Amino acid sequence: MDPSGQETGKVTGTQDKDYNLIWFVEQCLSNVLRLENYIADAERAGDGELAGFFRRAQAESRKGAEQGKELLSKRLLK
C-alpha cells in the first residue's frame, strides 16, 4: 500500500502516530505470548541454550510493551 494514500485519522479518528503506538504495544505483548510457546518447545527438546535465547527475547518484548504502555498512558491523559 502506498504510504501517502494510507488513512491518517480522518476515517478512524485515530492519528497514525497514536495507532502505531497502540499497534506496537499489541505486537510486543503478542510476541511475549508466542515466545512462551517457543520456550516450552525448546525446553521439551532439552535445548537450554535456545530456551534462554527465547527468554531474553521475551524479556525485551515485555520491556518494549511496558515502555509503550507508559508512553501511551501519558499521551491519553493529555
PDB file of N, CA and C in Angstrom:
ATOM      1  N   MET A   1       0.845  -1.176   0.000  1.00  0.00           N
ATOM      2  CA  MET A   1       0.000   0.000   0.000  1.00  0.00           C
ATOM      3  C   MET A   1       0.891   1.240   0.000  1.00  0.00           C
ATOM      4  N   ASP A   2       0.511   2.207  -0.777  1.00  0.00           N
ATOM      5  CA  ASP A   2       1.251   3.465  -0.882  1.00  0.00           C
ATOM      6  C   ASP A   2       1.088   4.253   0.411  1.00  0.00           C
ATOM      7  N   PRO A   3       2.202   4.556   1.132  1.00  0.00           N
ATOM      8  CA  PRO A   3       2.095   5.277   2.403  1.00  0.00           C
ATOM      9  C   PRO A   3       1.367   6.605   2.287  1.00  0.00           C
ATOM     10  N   SER A   4       1.478   7.271   1.155  1.00  0.00           N
ATOM     11  CA  SER A   4       0.812   8.566   1.013  1.00  0.00           C
ATOM     12  C   SER A   4      -0.702   8.427   0.921  1.00  0.00           C
ATOM     13  N   GLY A   5      -1.175   7.227   0.613  1.00  0.00           N
ATOM     14  CA  GLY A   5      -2.612   7.009   0.495  1.00  0.00           C
ATOM     15  C   GLY A   5      -3.225   6.368   1.725  1.00  0.00           C
ATOM     16  N   GLN A   6      -2.433   6.144   2.762  1.00  0.00           N
ATOM     17  CA  GLN A   6      -2.947   5.493   3.955  1.00  0.00           C
ATOM     18  C   GLN A   6      -3.840   6.424   4.767  1.00  0.00           C
ATOM     19  N   GLU A   7      -4.678   5.826   5.528  1.00  0.00           N
ATOM     20  CA  GLU A   7      -5.588   6.560   6.413  1.00  0.00           C
ATOM     21  C   GLU A   7      -4.768   7.293   7.470  1.00  0.00           C
ATOM     22  N   THR A   8      -5.080   8.552   7.721  1.00  0.00           N
ATOM     23  CA  THR A   8      -4.298   9.363   8.659  1.00  0.00           C
ATOM     24  C   THR A   8      -5.128   9.840   9.843  1.00  0.00           C
ATOM     25  N   GLY A   9      -6.226   9.173  10.114  1.00  0.00           N
ATOM     26  CA  GLY A   9      -7.054   9.540  11.247  1.00  0.00           C
ATOM     27  C   GLY A   9      -8.363  10.184  10.864  1.00  0.00           C
ATOM     28  N   LYS A  10      -8.509  10.542   9.607  1.00  0.00           N
ATOM     29  CA  LYS A  10      -9.750  11.187   9.187  1.00  0.00           C
ATOM     30  C   LYS A  10     -10.921  10.212   9.221  1.00  0.00           C
ATOM     31  N   VAL A  11     -10.663   8.965   8.907  1.00  0.00           N
ATOM     32  CA  VAL A  11     -11.727   7.959   8.894  1.00  0.00           C
ATOM     33  C   VAL A  11     -11.898   7.332  10.275  1.00  0.00           C
ATOM     34  N   THR A  12     -10.795   6.911  10.891  1.00  0.00           N
ATOM     35  CA  THR A  12     -10.871   6.202  12.167  1.00  0.00           C
ATOM     36  C   THR A  12     -10.939   7.113  13.376  1.00  0.00           C
ATOM     37  N   GLY A  13     -10.473   8.340  13.228  1.00  0.00           N
ATOM     38  CA  GLY A  13     -10.409   9.248  14.366  1.00  0.00           C
ATOM     39  C   GLY A  13      -9.169   9.051  15.214  1.00  0.00           C
ATOM     40  N   THR A  14      -8.259   8.189  14.752  1.00  0.00           N
ATOM     41  CA  THR A  14      -7.015   7.929  15.469  1.00  0.00           C
ATOM     42  C   THR A  14      -5.859   8.249  14.541  1.00  0.00           C
ATOM     43  N   GLN A  15      -5.031   9.198  14.934  1.00  0.00           N
ATOM     44  CA  GLN A  15      -3.891   9.572  14.103  1.00  0.00           C
ATOM     45  C   GLN A  15      -2.911   8.412  13.981  1.00  0.00           C
ATOM     46  N   ASP A  16      -2.195   8.379  12.872  1.00  0.00           N
ATOM     47  CA  ASP A  16      -1.230   7.307  12.624  1.00  0.00           C
ATOM     48  C   ASP A  16      -0.271   7.108  13.783  1.00  0.00           C
ATOM     49  N   LYS A  17       0.291   8.190  14.306  1.00  0.00           N
ATOM     50  CA  LYS A  17       1.294   8.049  15.364  1.00  0.00           C
ATOM     51  C   LYS A  17       0.698   7.376  16.593  1.00  0.00           C
ATOM     52  N   ASP A  18      -0.545   7.672  16.925  1.00  0.00           N
ATOM     53  CA  ASP A  18      -1.189   7.033  18.066  1.00  0.00           C
ATOM     54  C   ASP A  18      -1.521   5.576  17.754  1.00  0.00           C
ATOM     55  N   TYR A  19      -2.049   5.344  16.571  1.00  0.00           N
ATOM     56  CA  TYR A  19      -2.337   3.979  16.149  1.00  0.00           C
ATOM     57  C   TYR A  19      -1.055   3.148  16.151  1.00  0.00           C
ATOM     58  N   ASN A  20       0.024   3.722  15.645  1.00  0.00           N
ATOM     59  CA  ASN A  20       1.295   2.999  15.586  1.00  0.00           C
ATOM     60  C   ASN A  20       1.774   2.594  16.970  1.00  0.00           C
ATOM     61  N   LEU A  21       1.589   3.466  17.948  1.00  0.00           N
ATOM     62  CA  LEU A  21       1.995   3.154  19.313  1.00  0.00           C
ATOM     63  C   LEU A  21       1.128   2.036  19.891  1.00  0.00           C
ATOM     64  N   ILE A  22      -0.164   2.112  19.650  1.00  0.00           N
ATOM     65  CA  ILE A  22      -1.073   1.057  20.110  1.00  0.00           C
ATOM     66  C   ILE A  22      -0.700  -0.269  19.456  1.00  0.00           C
ATOM     67  N   TRP A  23      -0.442  -0.235  18.149  1.00  0.00           N
ATOM     68  CA  TRP A  23      -0.062  -1.443  17.415  1.00  0.00           C
ATOM     69  C   TRP A  23       1.233  -2.025  17.979  1.00  0.00           C
ATOM     70  N   PHE A  24       2.210  -1.158  18.267  1.00  0.00           N
ATOM     71  CA  PHE A  24       3.493  -1.606  18.793  1.00  0.00           C
ATOM     72  C   PHE A  24       3.312  -2.356  20.117  1.00  0.00           C
ATOM     73  N   VAL A  25       2.517  -1.785  21.016  1.00  0.00           N
ATOM     74  CA  VAL A  25       2.289  -2.430  22.315  1.00  0.00           C
ATOM     75  C   VAL A  25       1.622  -3.788  22.115  1.00  0.00           C
ATOM     76  N   GLU A  26       0.626  -3.836  21.246  1.00  0.00           N
ATOM     77  CA  GLU A  26      -0.078  -5.101  20.997  1.00  0.00           C
ATOM     78  C   GLU A  26       0.880  -6.146  20.432  1.00  0.00           C
ATOM     79  N   GLN A  27       1.739  -5.738  19.513  1.00  0.00           N
ATOM     80  CA  GLN A  27       2.686  -6.681  18.915  1.00  0.00           C
ATOM     81  C   GLN A  27       3.701  -7.179  19.936  1.00  0.00           C
ATOM     82  N   CYS A  28       4.164  -6.305  20.797  1.00  0.00           N
ATOM     83  CA  CYS A  28       5.094  -6.723  21.855  1.00  0.00           C
ATOM     84  C   CYS A  28       4.440  -7.751  22.769  1.00  0.00           C
ATOM     85  N   LEU A  29       3.202  -7.477  23.189  1.00  0.00           N
ATOM     86  CA  LEU A  29       2.501  -8.404  24.074  1.00  0.00           C
ATOM     87  C   LEU A  29       2.215  -9.734  23.380  1.00  0.00           C
ATOM     88  N   SER A  30       1.855  -9.662  22.122  1.00  0.00           N
ATOM     89  CA  SER A  30       1.626 -10.877  21.340  1.00  0.00           C
ATOM     90  C   SER A  30       2.913 -11.693  21.243  1.00  0.00           C
ATOM     91  N   ASN A  31       4.017 -11.009  21.057  1.00  0.00           N
ATOM     92  CA  ASN A  31       5.310 -11.675  20.971  1.00  0.00           C
ATOM     93  C   ASN A  31       5.674 -12.355  22.291  1.00  0.00           C
ATOM     94  N   VAL A  32       5.362 -11.709  23.412  1.00  0.00           N
ATOM     95  CA  VAL A  32       5.621 -12.317  24.722  1.00  0.00           C
ATOM     96  C   VAL A  32       4.883 -13.651  24.829  1.00  0.00           C
ATOM     97  N   LEU A  33       3.631 -13.658  24.412  1.00  0.00           N
ATOM     98  CA  LEU A  33       2.836 -14.893  24.472  1.00  0.00           C
ATOM     99  C   LEU A  33       3.377 -15.958  23.524  1.00  0.00           C
ATOM    100  N   ARG A  34       3.713 -15.574  22.313  1.00  0.00           N
ATOM    101  CA  ARG A  34       4.241 -16.516  21.323  1.00  0.00           C
ATOM    102  C   ARG A  34       5.551 -17.124  21.814  1.00  0.00           C
ATOM    103  N   LEU A  35       6.405 -16.291  22.384  1.00  0.00           N
ATOM    104  CA  LEU A  35       7.694 -16.782  22.858  1.00  0.00           C
ATOM    105  C   LEU A  35       7.545 -17.770  24.006  1.00  0.00           C
ATOM    106  N   GLU A  36       6.456 -17.669  24.756  1.00  0.00           N
ATOM    107  CA  GLU A  36       6.205 -18.648  25.819  1.00  0.00           C
ATOM    108  C   GLU A  36       6.120 -20.059  25.218  1.00  0.00           C
ATOM    109  N   ASN A  37       5.459 -20.171  24.076  1.00  0.00           N
ATOM    110  CA  ASN A  37       5.376 -21.470  23.387  1.00  0.00           C
ATOM    111  C   ASN A  37       6.744 -21.911  22.875  1.00  0.00           C
ATOM    112  N   TYR A  38       7.515 -20.966  22.341  1.00  0.00           N
ATOM    113  CA  TYR A  38       8.843 -21.308  21.830  1.00  0.00           C
ATOM    114  C   TYR A  38       9.749 -21.780  22.948  1.00  0.00           C
ATOM    115  N   ILE A  39       9.645 -21.152  24.104  1.00  0.00           N
ATOM    116  CA  ILE A  39      10.439 -21.560  25.266  1.00  0.00           C
ATOM    117  C   ILE A  39      10.074 -22.990  25.666  1.00  0.00           C
ATOM    118  N   ALA A  40       8.779 -23.253  25.722  1.00  0.00           N
ATOM    119  CA  ALA A  40       8.322 -24.602  26.096  1.00  0.00           C
ATOM    120  C   ALA A  40       8.807 -25.639  25.084  1.00  0.00           C
ATOM    121  N   ASP A  41       8.753 -25.315  23.802  1.00  0.00           N
ATOM    122  CA  ASP A  41       9.232 -26.242  22.766  1.00  0.00           C
ATOM    123  C   ASP A  41      10.714 -26.526  22.949  1.00  0.00           C
ATOM    124  N   ALA A  42      11.504 -25.476  23.193  1.00  0.00           N
ATOM    125  CA  ALA A  42      12.947 -25.654  23.373  1.00  0.00           C
ATOM    126  C   ALA A  42      13.239 -26.482  24.616  1.00  0.00           C
ATOM    127  N   GLU A  43      12.493 -26.224  25.688  1.00  0.00           N
ATOM    128  CA  GLU A  43      12.702 -26.998  26.923  1.00  0.00           C
ATOM    129  C   GLU A  43      12.344 -28.462  26.716  1.00  0.00           C
ATOM    130  N   ARG A  44      11.237 -28.719  26.003  1.00  0.00           N
ATOM    131  CA  ARG A  44      10.850 -30.111  25.730  1.00  0.00           C
ATOM    132  C   ARG A  44      11.914 -30.833  24.919  1.00  0.00           C
ATOM    133  N   ALA A  45      12.591 -30.077  24.052  1.00  0.00           N
ATOM    134  CA  ALA A  45      13.646 -30.666  23.224  1.00  0.00           C
ATOM    135  C   ALA A  45      14.978 -30.734  23.970  1.00  0.00           C
ATOM    136  N   GLY A  46      15.012 -30.220  25.205  1.00  0.00           N
ATOM    137  CA  GLY A  46      16.233 -30.256  26.000  1.00  0.00           C
ATOM    138  C   GLY A  46      17.275 -29.247  25.547  1.00  0.00           C
ATOM    139  N   ASP A  47      16.847 -28.207  24.862  1.00  0.00           N
ATOM    140  CA  ASP A  47      17.774 -27.201  24.345  1.00  0.00           C
ATOM    141  C   ASP A  47      17.732 -25.956  25.231  1.00  0.00           C
ATOM    142  N   GLY A  48      18.521 -25.979  26.296  1.00  0.00           N
ATOM    143  CA  GLY A  48      18.557 -24.876  27.252  1.00  0.00           C
ATOM    144  C   GLY A  48      19.086 -23.588  26.651  1.00  0.00           C
ATOM    145  N   GLU A  49      20.026 -23.715  25.728  1.00  0.00           N
ATOM    146  CA  GLU A  49      20.582 -22.518  25.088  1.00  0.00           C
ATOM    147  C   GLU A  49      19.488 -21.773  24.313  1.00  0.00           C
ATOM    148  N   LEU A  50      18.697 -22.521  23.540  1.00  0.00           N
ATOM    149  CA  LEU A  50      17.620 -21.903  22.767  1.00  0.00           C
ATOM    150  C   LEU A  50      16.534 -21.354  23.679  1.00  0.00           C
ATOM    151  N   ALA A  51      16.196 -22.093  24.731  1.00  0.00           N
ATOM    152  CA  ALA A  51      15.195 -21.612  25.686  1.00  0.00           C
ATOM    153  C   ALA A  51      15.658 -20.303  26.318  1.00  0.00           C
ATOM    154  N   GLY A  52      16.935 -20.216  26.665  1.00  0.00           N
ATOM    155  CA  GLY A  52      17.476 -18.989  27.231  1.00  0.00           C
ATOM    156  C   GLY A  52      17.417 -17.834  26.251  1.00  0.00           C
ATOM    157  N   PHE A  53      17.724 -18.121  25.000  1.00  0.00           N
ATOM    158  CA  PHE A  53      17.645 -17.103  23.950  1.00  0.00           C
ATOM    159  C   PHE A  53      16.221 -16.556  23.853  1.00  0.00           C
ATOM    160  N   PHE A  54      15.247 -17.466  23.832  1.00  0.00           N
ATOM    161  CA  PHE A  54      13.848 -17.037  23.737  1.00  0.00           C
ATOM    162  C   PHE A  54      13.404 -16.289  24.996  1.00  0.00           C
ATOM    163  N   ARG A  55      13.907 -16.677  26.146  1.00  0.00           N
ATOM    164  CA  ARG A  55      13.577 -15.949  27.384  1.00  0.00           C
ATOM    165  C   ARG A  55      14.098 -14.511  27.335  1.00  0.00           C
ATOM    166  N   ARG A  56      15.314 -14.350  26.835  1.00  0.00           N
ATOM    167  CA  ARG A  56      15.871 -12.991  26.709  1.00  0.00           C
ATOM    168  C   ARG A  56      15.057 -12.163  25.718  1.00  0.00           C
ATOM    169  N   ALA A  57      14.687 -12.781  24.608  1.00  0.00           N
ATOM    170  CA  ALA A  57      13.859 -12.083  23.617  1.00  0.00           C
ATOM    171  C   ALA A  57      12.506 -11.724  24.217  1.00  0.00           C
ATOM    172  N   GLN A  58      11.944 -12.626  25.010  1.00  0.00           N
ATOM    173  CA  GLN A  58      10.662 -12.377  25.666  1.00  0.00           C
ATOM    174  C   GLN A  58      10.773 -11.202  26.635  1.00  0.00           C
ATOM    175  N   ALA A  59      11.862 -11.151  27.379  1.00  0.00           N
ATOM    176  CA  ALA A  59      12.062 -10.048  28.322  1.00  0.00           C
ATOM    177  C   ALA A  59      12.143  -8.722  27.588  1.00  0.00           C
ATOM    178  N   GLU A  60      12.800  -8.700  26.439  1.00  0.00           N
ATOM    179  CA  GLU A  60      12.898  -7.464  25.656  1.00  0.00           C
ATOM    180  C   GLU A  60      11.538  -7.052  25.107  1.00  0.00           C
ATOM    181  N   SER A  61      10.748  -8.019  24.665  1.00  0.00           N
ATOM    182  CA  SER A  61       9.398  -7.714  24.179  1.00  0.00           C
ATOM    183  C   SER A  61       8.532  -7.190  25.314  1.00  0.00           C
ATOM    184  N   ARG A  62       8.671  -7.800  26.489  1.00  0.00           N
ATOM    185  CA  ARG A  62       7.911  -7.339  27.650  1.00  0.00           C
ATOM    186  C   ARG A  62       8.306  -5.913  28.011  1.00  0.00           C
ATOM    187  N   LYS A  63       9.617  -5.635  27.948  1.00  0.00           N
ATOM    188  CA  LYS A  63      10.105  -4.294  28.241  1.00  0.00           C
ATOM    189  C   LYS A  63       9.557  -3.287  27.220  1.00  0.00           C
ATOM    190  N   GLY A  64       9.554  -3.650  25.954  1.00  0.00           N
ATOM    191  CA  GLY A  64       9.000  -2.776  24.923  1.00  0.00           C
ATOM    192  C   GLY A  64       7.527  -2.495  25.158  1.00  0.00           C
ATOM    193  N   ALA A  65       6.775  -3.516  25.558  1.00  0.00           N
ATOM    194  CA  ALA A  65       5.356  -3.331  25.840  1.00  0.00           C
ATOM    195  C   ALA A  65       5.155  -2.388  27.017  1.00  0.00           C
ATOM    196  N   GLU A  66       5.936  -2.558  28.071  1.00  0.00           N
ATOM    197  CA  GLU A  66       5.811  -1.691  29.240  1.00  0.00           C
ATOM    198  C   GLU A  66       6.148  -0.245  28.905  1.00  0.00           C
ATOM    199  N   GLN A  67       7.219  -0.060  28.143  1.00  0.00           N
ATOM    200  CA  GLN A  67       7.593   1.297  27.754  1.00  0.00           C
ATOM    201  C   GLN A  67       6.519   1.921  26.862  1.00  0.00           C
ATOM    202  N   GLY A  68       5.983   1.143  25.953  1.00  0.00           N
ATOM    203  CA  GLY A  68       4.923   1.638  25.085  1.00  0.00           C
ATOM    204  C   GLY A  68       3.661   1.977  25.863  1.00  0.00           C
ATOM    205  N   LYS A  69       3.322   1.153  26.847  1.00  0.00           N
ATOM    206  CA  LYS A  69       2.131   1.431  27.666  1.00  0.00           C
ATOM    207  C   LYS A  69       2.314   2.706  28.474  1.00  0.00           C
ATOM    208  N   GLU A  70       3.523   2.909  28.994  1.00  0.00           N
ATOM    209  CA  GLU A  70       3.812   4.148  29.735  1.00  0.00           C
ATOM    210  C   GLU A  70       3.608   5.371  28.851  1.00  0.00           C
ATOM    211  N   LEU A  71       4.194   5.321  27.670  1.00  0.00           N
ATOM    212  CA  LEU A  71       4.088   6.426  26.743  1.00  0.00           C
ATOM    213  C   LEU A  71       2.638   6.645  26.317  1.00  0.00           C
ATOM    214  N   LEU A  72       1.926   5.568  26.069  1.00  0.00           N
ATOM    215  CA  LEU A  72       0.525   5.660  25.676  1.00  0.00           C
ATOM    216  C   LEU A  72      -0.314   6.278  26.781  1.00  0.00           C
ATOM    217  N   SER A  73      -0.078   5.861  28.025  1.00  0.00           N
ATOM    218  CA  SER A  73      -0.874   6.405  29.128  1.00  0.00           C
ATOM    219  C   SER A  73      -0.621   7.899  29.296  1.00  0.00           C
ATOM    220  N   LYS A  74       0.620   8.349  29.119  1.00  0.00           N
ATOM    221  CA  LYS A  74       0.922   9.779  29.192  1.00  0.00           C
ATOM    222  C   LYS A  74       0.174  10.541  28.115  1.00  0.00           C
ATOM    223  N   ARG A  75       0.134   9.983  26.929  1.00  0.00           N
ATOM    224  CA  ARG A  75      -0.495  10.652  25.811  1.00  0.00           C
ATOM    225  C   ARG A  75      -2.015  10.655  25.904  1.00  0.00           C
ATOM    226  N   LEU A  76      -2.585   9.624  26.501  1.00  0.00           N
ATOM    227  CA  LEU A  76      -4.038   9.566  26.636  1.00  0.00           C
ATOM    228  C   LEU A  76      -4.547  10.526  27.696  1.00  0.00           C
ATOM    229  N   LEU A  77      -3.680  10.874  28.632  1.00  0.00           N
ATOM    230  CA  LEU A  77      -4.083  11.793  29.705  1.00  0.00           C
ATOM    231  C   LEU A  77      -4.044  13.246  29.277  1.00  0.00           C
ATOM    232  N   LYS A  78      -3.471  13.523  28.113  1.00  0.00           N
ATOM    233  CA  LYS A  78      -3.368  14.915  27.637  1.00  0.00           C
ATOM    234  C   LYS A  78      -4.699  15.419  27.153  1.00  0.00           C
TER     235      LYS A  78
END
